[in-house]
């Protein structure tokens, strides 16, 4: 309790005046001249300015920052956000393998897979619905570059980080062909030097331009 030229003034009234400043009620000129009251009001005003500025900044950021859909990168993340996964006709063996897998994520993916969908149709459905198209990484990259890449090089479709279907390639040769060891050696050298991957990257880049 303090005595001022306005009469007796309690500590509770000082706090009430401070709260009133935060609510935009202003000061009524009834506070005592004690330094403790001035410090309380100054601290409260500073607190109000900091909190108000932070709140407005957070509110503006939440309203202006675009909200993007989930971006799954692994099988575990993928099966949680999609309603169906499509794959081309060759994928029946992959579907059976995934369905019988003891790994929960692969088993869920197998149950979600629909076999027999062309890659272009599958990627188109992935853009419009909660779906994903499964395929070899290099083939997917090439198809995205050919059909779903804009003039500026960007694409609304992305390829997940985890490889589900391995990309394979082979050359048909006669059984017990005498040049098979030389061919195997050449293919191994190309694979170790990552020449095939670099060549694929060049072709993909050219298709996006």
Protein backbone atom coordinates (compact mmCIF):
# COMPACT_ATOMS: atom_id res chain seq x y z
CA UNK A 1 0.00 0.00 0.00
CA UNK A 2 1.35 3.39 -1.03
CA UNK A 3 0.16 6.93 -0.33
CA UNK A 4 0.12 9.30 -3.31
CA UNK A 5 -1.34 12.67 -4.05
CA UNK A 6 -4.36 10.76 -5.38
CA UNK A 7 -4.84 8.89 -2.14
CA UNK A 8 -3.97 5.35 -1.17
CA UNK A 9 -2.78 3.07 -3.96
CA UNK A 10 -2.38 -0.68 -3.51
CA UNK A 11 0.14 -2.94 -5.22
CA UNK A 12 -2.70 -4.79 -6.91
CA UNK A 13 -3.79 -1.59 -8.63
CA UNK A 14 -0.28 -1.09 -9.95
CA UNK A 15 -0.37 -4.55 -11.50
CA UNK A 16 -3.85 -3.83 -12.88
CA UNK A 17 -2.58 -0.66 -14.53
CA UNK A 18 0.31 -2.60 -16.06
CA UNK A 19 -2.03 -5.23 -17.48
CA UNK A 20 -4.23 -2.45 -18.82
CA UNK A 21 -1.37 -1.06 -20.88
CA UNK A 22 -0.96 -4.42 -22.60
CA UNK A 23 -4.66 -4.48 -23.39
CA UNK A 24 -4.53 -0.97 -24.82
CA UNK A 25 -6.34 0.74 -21.94
CA UNK A 26 -3.60 3.31 -21.30
CA UNK A 27 -2.51 4.88 -18.05
CA UNK A 28 -4.79 6.92 -15.81
CA UNK A 29 -2.14 8.97 -14.02
CA UNK A 30 -2.89 7.45 -10.62
CA UNK A 31 0.39 5.59 -10.09
CA UNK A 32 2.75 6.70 -7.37
CA UNK A 33 6.09 8.23 -8.11
CA UNK A 34 8.01 5.31 -6.58
CA UNK A 35 10.77 3.96 -8.83
CA UNK A 36 9.58 0.40 -8.33
CA UNK A 37 6.29 1.23 -10.03
CA UNK A 38 8.05 2.90 -12.93
CA UNK A 39 10.31 -0.13 -13.38
CA UNK A 40 7.29 -2.46 -13.30
CA UNK A 41 5.46 -0.47 -15.98
CA UNK A 42 8.58 -0.18 -18.16
CA UNK A 43 9.28 -3.92 -17.96
CA UNK A 44 5.69 -4.74 -18.74
CA UNK A 45 5.65 -2.42 -21.75
CA UNK A 46 8.89 -3.96 -23.01
CA UNK A 47 7.45 -7.45 -22.53
CA UNK A 48 4.29 -6.45 -24.38
CA UNK A 49 6.22 -5.06 -27.34
CA UNK A 50 8.43 -8.16 -27.62
CA UNK A 51 5.54 -10.62 -27.32
CA UNK A 52 3.34 -8.62 -29.68
CA UNK A 53 6.06 -8.36 -32.31
CA UNK A 54 6.88 -12.07 -32.08
CA UNK A 55 3.21 -13.01 -32.32
CA UNK A 56 2.61 -10.83 -35.37
CA UNK A 57 5.74 -12.15 -37.07
CA UNK A 58 4.71 -15.76 -36.43
CA UNK A 59 1.17 -15.08 -37.63
CA UNK A 60 2.34 -13.42 -40.84
CA UNK A 61 4.81 -16.23 -41.51
CA UNK A 62 2.18 -18.92 -40.97
CA UNK A 63 -0.21 -17.17 -43.35
CA UNK A 64 2.29 -16.44 -46.11
CA UNK A 65 4.45 -19.58 -46.18
CA UNK A 66 2.92 -22.09 -48.64
CA UNK A 67 1.91 -25.46 -47.27
CA UNK A 68 3.27 -28.38 -49.26
CA UNK A 69 1.87 -31.91 -49.25
CA UNK A 70 3.85 -34.67 -47.53
CA UNK A 71 7.04 -35.64 -49.32
CA UNK A 72 7.80 -39.29 -48.51
CA UNK A 73 11.33 -40.46 -49.29
CA UNK A 74 11.29 -44.01 -47.92
CA UNK A 75 8.95 -47.01 -48.11
CA UNK A 76 7.87 -46.49 -44.50
CA UNK A 77 6.87 -42.90 -45.21
CA UNK A 78 5.29 -43.75 -48.56
CA UNK A 79 2.80 -46.37 -47.35
CA UNK A 80 1.48 -43.92 -44.74
CA UNK A 81 0.39 -41.24 -47.20
CA UNK A 82 -0.70 -43.00 -50.41
CA UNK A 83 -3.89 -44.85 -51.24
CA UNK A 84 -2.45 -46.86 -54.14
CA UNK A 85 0.88 -47.65 -55.80
CA UNK A 86 0.98 -48.50 -59.50
CA UNK A 87 3.54 -50.47 -61.48
CA UNK A 88 3.84 -51.70 -65.05
CA UNK A 89 2.87 -55.27 -66.10
CA UNK A 90 6.29 -56.70 -65.28
CA UNK A 91 5.70 -55.83 -61.63
CA UNK A 92 3.58 -58.85 -60.75
CA UNK A 93 6.63 -60.64 -59.34
CA UNK A 94 7.52 -57.58 -57.24
CA UNK A 95 3.97 -57.37 -55.92
CA UNK A 96 4.06 -61.03 -54.85
CA UNK A 97 7.47 -60.55 -53.26
CA UNK A 98 6.43 -57.46 -51.34
CA UNK A 99 3.13 -58.96 -50.18
CA UNK A 100 4.87 -62.02 -48.71
CA UNK A 101 7.66 -59.99 -47.12
CA UNK A 102 8.05 -60.07 -43.35
CA UNK A 103 9.02 -56.42 -43.46
CA UNK A 104 5.87 -54.49 -42.53
CA UNK A 105 6.53 -51.58 -44.92
CA UNK A 106 7.11 -53.86 -47.92
CA UNK A 107 4.07 -55.96 -47.03
CA UNK A 108 1.90 -52.84 -46.89
CA UNK A 109 3.31 -51.66 -50.21
CA UNK A 110 2.50 -55.02 -51.81
CA UNK A 111 -1.12 -54.76 -50.72
CA UNK A 112 -1.36 -51.24 -52.16
CA UNK A 113 0.19 -52.11 -55.53
CA UNK A 114 -1.86 -52.28 -58.70
CA UNK A 115 -0.10 -54.03 -61.59
CA UNK A 116 -0.48 -53.18 -65.28
CA UNK A 117 -0.41 -49.36 -65.30
CA UNK A 118 1.69 -47.58 -67.92
CA UNK A 119 4.39 -45.35 -66.45
CA UNK A 120 3.00 -42.17 -67.99
CA UNK A 121 -0.50 -42.90 -66.69
CA UNK A 122 0.90 -43.86 -63.31
CA UNK A 123 2.86 -40.63 -62.93
CA UNK A 124 -0.17 -38.62 -64.08
CA UNK A 125 -2.31 -40.29 -61.40
CA UNK A 126 0.40 -39.55 -58.84
CA UNK A 127 0.03 -35.84 -59.63
CA UNK A 128 -3.74 -35.78 -59.23
CA UNK A 129 -4.36 -38.30 -56.46
CA UNK A 130 -2.69 -39.76 -53.39
CA UNK A 131 -0.82 -42.33 -55.44
CA UNK A 132 2.73 -43.27 -56.37
CA UNK A 133 4.22 -45.06 -59.35
CA UNK A 134 6.93 -47.63 -58.69
CA UNK A 135 9.64 -48.47 -61.19
CA UNK A 136 13.34 -48.54 -61.94
CA UNK A 137 15.09 -45.34 -60.92
CA UNK A 138 16.71 -44.59 -64.28
CA UNK A 139 13.53 -45.30 -66.22
CA UNK A 140 11.57 -43.05 -63.87
CA UNK A 141 14.12 -40.26 -64.23
CA UNK A 142 13.97 -40.50 -68.01
CA UNK A 143 10.14 -40.52 -68.08
CA UNK A 144 9.91 -37.54 -65.73
CA UNK A 145 12.39 -35.65 -67.90
CA UNK A 146 10.47 -36.45 -71.09
CA UNK A 147 6.86 -35.95 -69.99
CA UNK A 148 6.72 -33.96 -66.74
CA UNK A 149 9.52 -31.39 -66.86
CA UNK A 150 8.77 -27.72 -67.52
CA UNK A 151 10.73 -25.40 -69.79
CA UNK A 152 12.63 -23.97 -66.83
CA UNK A 153 13.81 -27.45 -65.83
CA UNK A 154 11.54 -27.88 -62.81
CA UNK A 155 9.07 -30.71 -62.35
CA UNK A 156 6.05 -31.26 -60.08
CA UNK A 157 7.14 -34.89 -59.71
CA UNK A 158 10.08 -36.11 -57.69
CA UNK A 159 11.70 -39.51 -57.22
CA UNK A 160 12.09 -40.79 -53.68
CA UNK A 161 15.48 -41.30 -52.11
CA UNK A 162 15.06 -44.98 -51.34
CA UNK A 163 15.38 -47.36 -54.30
CA UNK A 164 12.53 -49.92 -54.27
CA UNK A 165 12.88 -51.45 -57.74
CA UNK A 166 16.50 -51.90 -58.90
CA UNK A 167 17.36 -50.87 -62.44
CA UNK A 168 18.74 -53.85 -64.35
CA UNK A 169 20.11 -54.27 -67.86
CA UNK A 170 21.53 -57.16 -69.90
CA UNK A 171 22.61 -58.18 -73.37
CA UNK A 172 21.16 -61.34 -74.88
CA UNK A 173 23.95 -63.57 -76.12
CA UNK A 174 24.08 -67.19 -77.30
CA UNK A 175 24.55 -69.86 -74.68
CA UNK A 176 28.25 -70.63 -74.01
CA UNK A 177 29.31 -67.84 -76.35
CA UNK A 178 33.14 -67.70 -76.53
CA UNK A 179 33.21 -63.91 -76.06
CA UNK A 180 31.17 -63.97 -72.82
CA UNK A 181 34.22 -63.52 -70.51
CA UNK A 182 35.37 -60.47 -72.50
CA UNK A 183 31.86 -59.03 -72.46
CA UNK A 184 31.53 -59.59 -68.71
CA UNK A 185 34.87 -57.90 -68.16
CA UNK A 186 33.84 -54.91 -70.26
CA UNK A 187 30.46 -54.59 -68.53
CA UNK A 188 32.16 -54.78 -65.12
CA UNK A 189 34.62 -52.08 -66.09
CA UNK A 190 31.81 -49.81 -67.27
CA UNK A 191 29.87 -50.44 -64.07
CA UNK A 192 32.83 -49.75 -61.79
CA UNK A 193 33.63 -46.54 -63.65
CA UNK A 194 29.97 -45.45 -63.36
CA UNK A 195 30.05 -44.65 -67.07
CA UNK A 196 26.51 -45.94 -67.55
CA UNK A 197 25.22 -43.67 -64.78
CA UNK A 198 27.00 -40.67 -66.24
CA UNK A 199 25.68 -41.45 -69.70
CA UNK A 200 22.16 -41.74 -68.30
CA UNK A 201 22.55 -38.38 -66.54
CA UNK A 202 23.62 -36.75 -69.80
CA UNK A 203 20.63 -38.17 -71.68
CA UNK A 204 18.27 -37.14 -68.89
CA UNK A 205 19.67 -33.61 -68.89
CA UNK A 206 19.31 -33.36 -72.66
CA UNK A 207 15.67 -34.47 -72.44
CA UNK A 208 14.87 -31.71 -69.95
CA UNK A 209 16.23 -28.99 -72.23
